[in-house]
Amino acid sequence: MELLIVTLASLLAGFVDAIVGGGGLILVPALFAVFPTTHPATLFGVNKGASVWGTAVATVQYARRVDMRWSALLPAAAAGFAGSLAGAWLVTVISPGFLRKALPFVLLAVLLYTLAKKELGRHHAPRFSGHAETTAACCIGLGLGFYDGFFGPGTGSFFVFLFVRWLGYDFLNASASAKLLNTSTNLAALLLFAYKGHVWWHFALTMAVANVIGSLLGTRLALKHGAGFVRVVFIVVVSALILKTGFDAFLK
């Protein structure tokens, strides 16, 4: 029964994550609910062991249909890998609990800004090119990579928002780019957690299959309906993240 519950959660998480990020909103709470006495690093490791496959498959699917800016994104993915590795190491040493109270307010600011700027992310008009774009993308990758390894909730949505707001991508291109970087950060954290013995592979592998199926369905939907659809899903997911993280921080 435990495996069935977390596998279904992984399927739904892969679906949501492929569209706009935020799959951790579903899968991480499910893991903590099913295994309440387990070390958090182990549950984060299982989450990464499942989600890395979904984000990788989504990246491949998006790359076939979206013009990915590889010259900027590949160095950014490397920066994200390094940042996530550092963050994942740190979470095995200290608890990220102090971030819980700040996260809902950061997400609320992201939501309000997105709602206020009604044209935000509707049109793909990159603001930078060449080294400037690479530098900006690497800063995003390094900073959010560290956050993903150390804490994680909302990482995919933060990636999407920063690619839209800072780099000028539309929501579809931002989501595609976010998947590449999120794959890198997930992989780095997974390797660190595995090295430290914090991955239950018998759970992670089954959950990975479900996550990939959900990811394929979500990617297909996003590509079919475009940037406007992704923007709406982004607003819904960030709103849900605010409610969930706010409840965890102040009412739980």
Protein backbone atom coordinates (compact mmCIF):
# COMPACT_ATOMS: atom_id res chain seq x y z
CA MET A 1 0.00 0.00 0.00
CA GLU A 2 2.86 2.41 0.81
CA LEU A 3 4.45 1.80 -2.59
CA LEU A 4 1.12 2.30 -4.37
CA ILE A 5 0.45 5.64 -2.68
CA VAL A 6 3.88 7.15 -3.40
CA THR A 7 3.86 5.76 -6.96
CA LEU A 8 0.54 7.46 -7.73
CA ALA A 9 1.90 10.65 -6.17
CA SER A 10 4.97 10.35 -8.40
CA LEU A 11 2.76 9.99 -11.49
CA LEU A 12 0.86 13.19 -10.68
CA ALA A 13 4.07 14.99 -9.72
CA GLY A 14 5.66 14.11 -13.06
CA PHE A 15 2.62 15.46 -14.89
CA VAL A 16 2.61 18.81 -13.06
CA ASP A 17 6.39 19.16 -13.07
CA ALA A 18 6.64 18.67 -16.82
CA ILE A 19 4.31 21.60 -17.48
CA VAL A 20 5.60 24.22 -15.09
CA GLY A 21 7.55 22.67 -12.21
CA GLY A 22 6.27 22.22 -8.68
CA GLY A 23 6.02 18.44 -8.71
CA GLY A 24 7.71 18.39 -5.32
CA LEU A 25 4.55 20.02 -3.96
CA ILE A 26 2.87 16.65 -4.49
CA LEU A 27 5.57 14.05 -4.05
CA VAL A 28 7.56 15.34 -1.06
CA PRO A 29 4.51 15.77 1.23
CA ALA A 30 3.30 12.32 0.16
CA LEU A 31 6.64 10.79 1.15
CA PHE A 32 6.64 12.57 4.51
CA ALA A 33 3.05 11.49 5.17
CA VAL A 34 3.70 7.83 4.33
CA PHE A 35 7.09 7.66 6.11
CA PRO A 36 6.82 10.21 8.97
CA THR A 37 9.71 8.84 11.04
CA THR A 38 12.24 8.58 8.21
CA HIS A 39 15.25 10.93 8.00
CA PRO A 40 14.36 13.87 5.69
CA ALA A 41 17.52 13.36 3.61
CA THR A 42 16.34 9.84 2.74
CA LEU A 43 12.94 11.08 1.59
CA PHE A 44 14.56 13.87 -0.43
CA GLY A 45 16.81 11.20 -1.97
CA VAL A 46 13.84 9.05 -2.97
CA ASN A 47 12.13 12.14 -4.42
CA LYS A 48 15.19 12.95 -6.53
CA GLY A 49 15.55 9.31 -7.57
CA ALA A 50 12.08 9.46 -9.09
CA SER A 51 11.89 13.03 -10.38
CA VAL A 52 15.24 13.13 -12.20
CA TRP A 53 13.88 10.70 -14.81
CA GLY A 54 10.72 12.71 -15.37
CA THR A 55 12.58 15.98 -15.87
CA ALA A 56 15.09 14.28 -18.21
CA VAL A 57 12.33 12.85 -20.40
CA ALA A 58 10.53 16.21 -20.42
CA THR A 59 13.76 17.91 -21.53
CA VAL A 60 14.10 15.55 -24.49
CA GLN A 61 10.45 16.04 -25.47
CA TYR A 62 10.68 19.83 -25.29
CA ALA A 63 13.99 19.90 -27.20
CA ARG A 64 12.32 18.23 -30.18
CA ARG A 65 9.75 21.02 -30.51
CA VAL A 66 11.26 24.11 -28.86
CA ASP A 67 14.31 26.07 -30.02
CA MET A 68 16.54 25.59 -26.96
CA ARG A 69 19.32 28.15 -26.45
CA TRP A 70 21.98 25.53 -25.77
CA SER A 71 24.97 27.88 -25.68
CA ALA A 72 23.57 29.50 -22.54
CA LEU A 73 21.67 26.57 -21.07
CA LEU A 74 24.41 23.94 -21.00
CA PRO A 75 26.81 26.08 -18.90
CA ALA A 76 23.83 27.01 -16.71
CA ALA A 77 23.04 23.31 -16.22
CA ALA A 78 26.65 22.73 -15.14
CA ALA A 79 26.37 25.61 -12.66
CA GLY A 80 23.10 24.17 -11.39
CA PHE A 81 24.75 20.78 -10.91
CA ALA A 82 27.51 22.34 -8.78
CA GLY A 83 25.07 24.40 -6.74
CA SER A 84 22.78 21.44 -6.10
CA LEU A 85 25.68 19.27 -5.04
CA ALA A 86 26.68 21.85 -2.44
CA GLY A 87 23.10 22.26 -1.22
CA ALA A 88 22.50 18.52 -0.95
CA TRP A 89 25.67 18.10 1.07
CA LEU A 90 24.59 20.90 3.41
CA VAL A 91 21.17 19.34 4.07
CA THR A 92 22.87 16.20 5.37
CA VAL A 93 24.60 18.41 7.95
CA ILE A 94 22.00 21.03 8.96
CA SER A 95 18.21 21.26 8.70
CA PRO A 96 16.65 23.61 6.13
CA GLY A 97 13.74 24.27 8.47
CA PHE A 98 14.57 27.96 8.85
CA LEU A 99 13.51 28.50 5.22
CA ARG A 100 9.97 27.28 5.82
CA LYS A 101 8.61 30.58 7.12
CA ALA A 102 10.16 32.69 4.36
CA LEU A 103 9.13 30.54 1.40
CA PRO A 104 5.36 31.35 1.33
CA PHE A 105 6.12 35.08 1.18
CA VAL A 106 8.63 34.68 -1.65
CA LEU A 107 6.10 32.62 -3.61
CA LEU A 108 3.39 35.19 -2.91
CA ALA A 109 5.59 37.93 -4.36
CA VAL A 110 6.16 35.80 -7.49
CA LEU A 111 2.42 35.21 -7.87
CA LEU A 112 1.42 38.85 -7.41
CA TYR A 113 4.05 40.02 -9.88
CA THR A 114 2.88 37.49 -12.48
CA LEU A 115 -0.75 38.50 -12.03
CA ALA A 116 0.08 42.22 -12.21
CA LYS A 117 2.10 41.82 -15.43
CA LYS A 118 -0.56 40.29 -17.64
CA GLU A 119 1.72 40.16 -20.70
CA LEU A 120 4.58 38.54 -18.76
CA GLY A 121 5.75 35.41 -20.53
CA ARG A 122 3.23 35.57 -23.37
CA HIS A 123 5.83 36.50 -25.99
CA HIS A 124 9.29 35.02 -26.51
CA ALA A 125 11.71 37.96 -26.70
CA PRO A 126 15.07 37.06 -25.11
CA ARG A 127 16.65 40.12 -23.49
CA PHE A 128 20.25 38.93 -23.74
CA SER A 129 22.51 37.10 -26.15
CA GLY A 130 26.01 35.67 -26.15
CA HIS A 131 28.05 35.93 -22.94
CA ALA A 132 25.46 38.10 -21.20
CA GLU A 133 22.77 35.45 -21.59
CA THR A 134 25.15 32.70 -20.51
CA THR A 135 26.19 34.64 -17.40
CA ALA A 136 22.59 35.37 -16.41
CA ALA A 137 21.53 31.75 -16.99
CA CYS A 138 24.50 30.48 -14.95
CA CYS A 139 23.55 32.75 -12.05
CA ILE A 140 20.04 31.31 -12.13
CA GLY A 141 21.41 27.77 -12.34
CA LEU A 142 23.89 28.19 -9.48
CA GLY A 143 21.51 29.95 -7.10
CA LEU A 144 18.47 27.76 -7.66
CA GLY A 145 20.64 24.66 -7.91
CA PHE A 146 21.87 25.28 -4.37
CA TYR A 147 18.30 25.90 -3.21
CA ASP A 148 17.08 22.70 -4.89
CA GLY A 149 19.74 20.55 -3.27
CA PHE A 150 19.26 22.12 0.15
CA PHE A 151 15.47 22.56 0.37
CA GLY A 152 13.69 22.25 -2.96
CA PRO A 153 9.96 23.14 -2.89
CA GLY A 154 9.03 25.27 -5.89
CA THR A 155 12.41 25.02 -7.63
CA GLY A 156 10.94 24.28 -11.06
CA SER A 157 8.49 27.17 -10.74
CA PHE A 158 11.28 29.52 -9.65
CA PHE A 159 13.31 28.46 -12.69
CA VAL A 160 10.37 29.22 -14.99
CA PHE A 161 9.70 32.60 -13.37
CA LEU A 162 13.32 33.77 -13.60
CA PHE A 163 13.68 32.68 -17.21
CA VAL A 164 10.53 34.65 -18.02
CA ARG A 165 11.22 37.73 -15.88
CA TRP A 166 14.99 38.07 -16.22
CA LEU A 167 15.80 36.52 -19.59
CA GLY A 168 12.60 37.47 -21.45
CA TYR A 169 11.49 33.96 -22.46
CA ASP A 170 7.83 33.08 -22.91
CA PHE A 171 6.36 30.52 -20.53
CA LEU A 172 6.73 27.59 -22.92
CA ASN A 173 10.42 28.27 -23.66
CA ALA A 174 11.05 29.01 -19.99
CA SER A 175 9.48 25.70 -18.99
CA ALA A 176 11.57 23.83 -21.56
CA SER A 177 14.77 25.51 -20.33
CA ALA A 178 13.81 24.91 -16.71
CA LYS A 179 13.53 21.18 -17.35
CA LEU A 180 17.15 20.96 -18.50
CA LEU A 181 18.46 22.80 -15.46
CA ASN A 182 16.14 20.93 -13.11
CA THR A 183 17.40 17.62 -14.50
CA SER A 184 20.94 18.71 -13.70
CA THR A 185 20.10 19.84 -10.16
CA ASN A 186 18.08 16.68 -9.50
CA LEU A 187 20.93 14.49 -10.71
CA ALA A 188 23.52 16.23 -8.54
CA ALA A 189 21.37 15.95 -5.42
CA LEU A 190 20.58 12.31 -6.21
CA LEU A 191 24.27 11.42 -6.56
CA LEU A 192 25.07 13.07 -3.23
CA PHE A 193 22.15 11.41 -1.43
CA ALA A 194 23.08 8.04 -2.97
CA TYR A 195 26.71 8.42 -1.89
CA LYS A 196 25.51 9.15 1.65
CA GLY A 197 23.18 6.12 1.56
CA HIS A 198 19.99 8.17 1.58
CA VAL A 199 18.11 6.54 -1.35
CA TRP A 200 15.67 3.64 -1.15
CA TRP A 201 16.16 2.32 -4.68
CA HIS A 202 13.36 -0.26 -4.48
CA PHE A 203 10.93 2.64 -4.06
CA ALA A 204 12.71 5.18 -6.26
CA LEU A 205 12.88 2.99 -9.39
CA THR A 206 9.18 2.11 -9.37
CA MET A 207 8.28 5.72 -8.71
CA ALA A 208 10.58 6.79 -11.55
CA VAL A 209 8.56 4.81 -14.10
CA ALA A 210 5.36 6.52 -12.92
CA ASN A 211 7.07 9.91 -12.96
CA VAL A 212 8.17 9.42 -16.58
CA ILE A 213 4.62 8.49 -17.65
CA GLY A 214 3.25 11.61 -15.96
CA SER A 215 6.02 13.70 -17.51
CA LEU A 216 5.21 12.49 -21.04
CA LEU A 217 1.55 13.38 -20.58
CA GLY A 218 2.32 16.82 -19.12
CA THR A 219 4.87 17.72 -21.80
CA ARG A 220 2.48 16.76 -24.58
CA LEU A 221 -0.23 18.95 -23.07
CA ALA A 222 2.09 21.95 -22.70
CA LEU A 223 3.39 21.68 -26.26
CA LYS A 224 -0.14 21.35 -27.61
CA HIS A 225 -1.57 24.40 -25.84
CA GLY A 226 1.46 26.72 -25.72
CA ALA A 227 2.67 29.60 -23.52
CA GLY A 228 -0.77 30.86 -22.45
CA PHE A 229 -1.71 27.47 -21.05
CA VAL A 230 1.62 27.12 -19.23
CA ARG A 231 1.11 30.57 -17.69
CA VAL A 232 -2.28 29.55 -16.28
CA VAL A 233 -0.87 26.32 -14.86
CA PHE A 234 2.04 28.30 -13.39
CA ILE A 235 -0.39 30.57 -11.53
CA VAL A 236 -2.38 27.60 -10.23
CA VAL A 237 0.73 25.70 -9.08
CA VAL A 238 2.32 28.71 -7.36
CA SER A 239 -0.99 29.44 -5.60
CA ALA A 240 -1.08 25.84 -4.37
CA LEU A 241 2.54 26.10 -3.27
CA ILE A 242 1.73 29.21 -1.24
CA LEU A 243 -1.11 27.45 0.55
CA LYS A 244 0.91 24.29 1.20
CA THR A 245 4.12 25.97 2.36
CA GLY A 246 2.16 28.50 4.42
CA PHE A 247 0.27 25.71 6.18
CA ASP A 248 3.50 23.81 6.85
CA ALA A 249 5.26 26.90 8.17
CA PHE A 250 2.59 28.44 10.40
CA LEU A 251 -0.28 26.03 11.08
CA LYS A 252 1.14 22.50 11.09
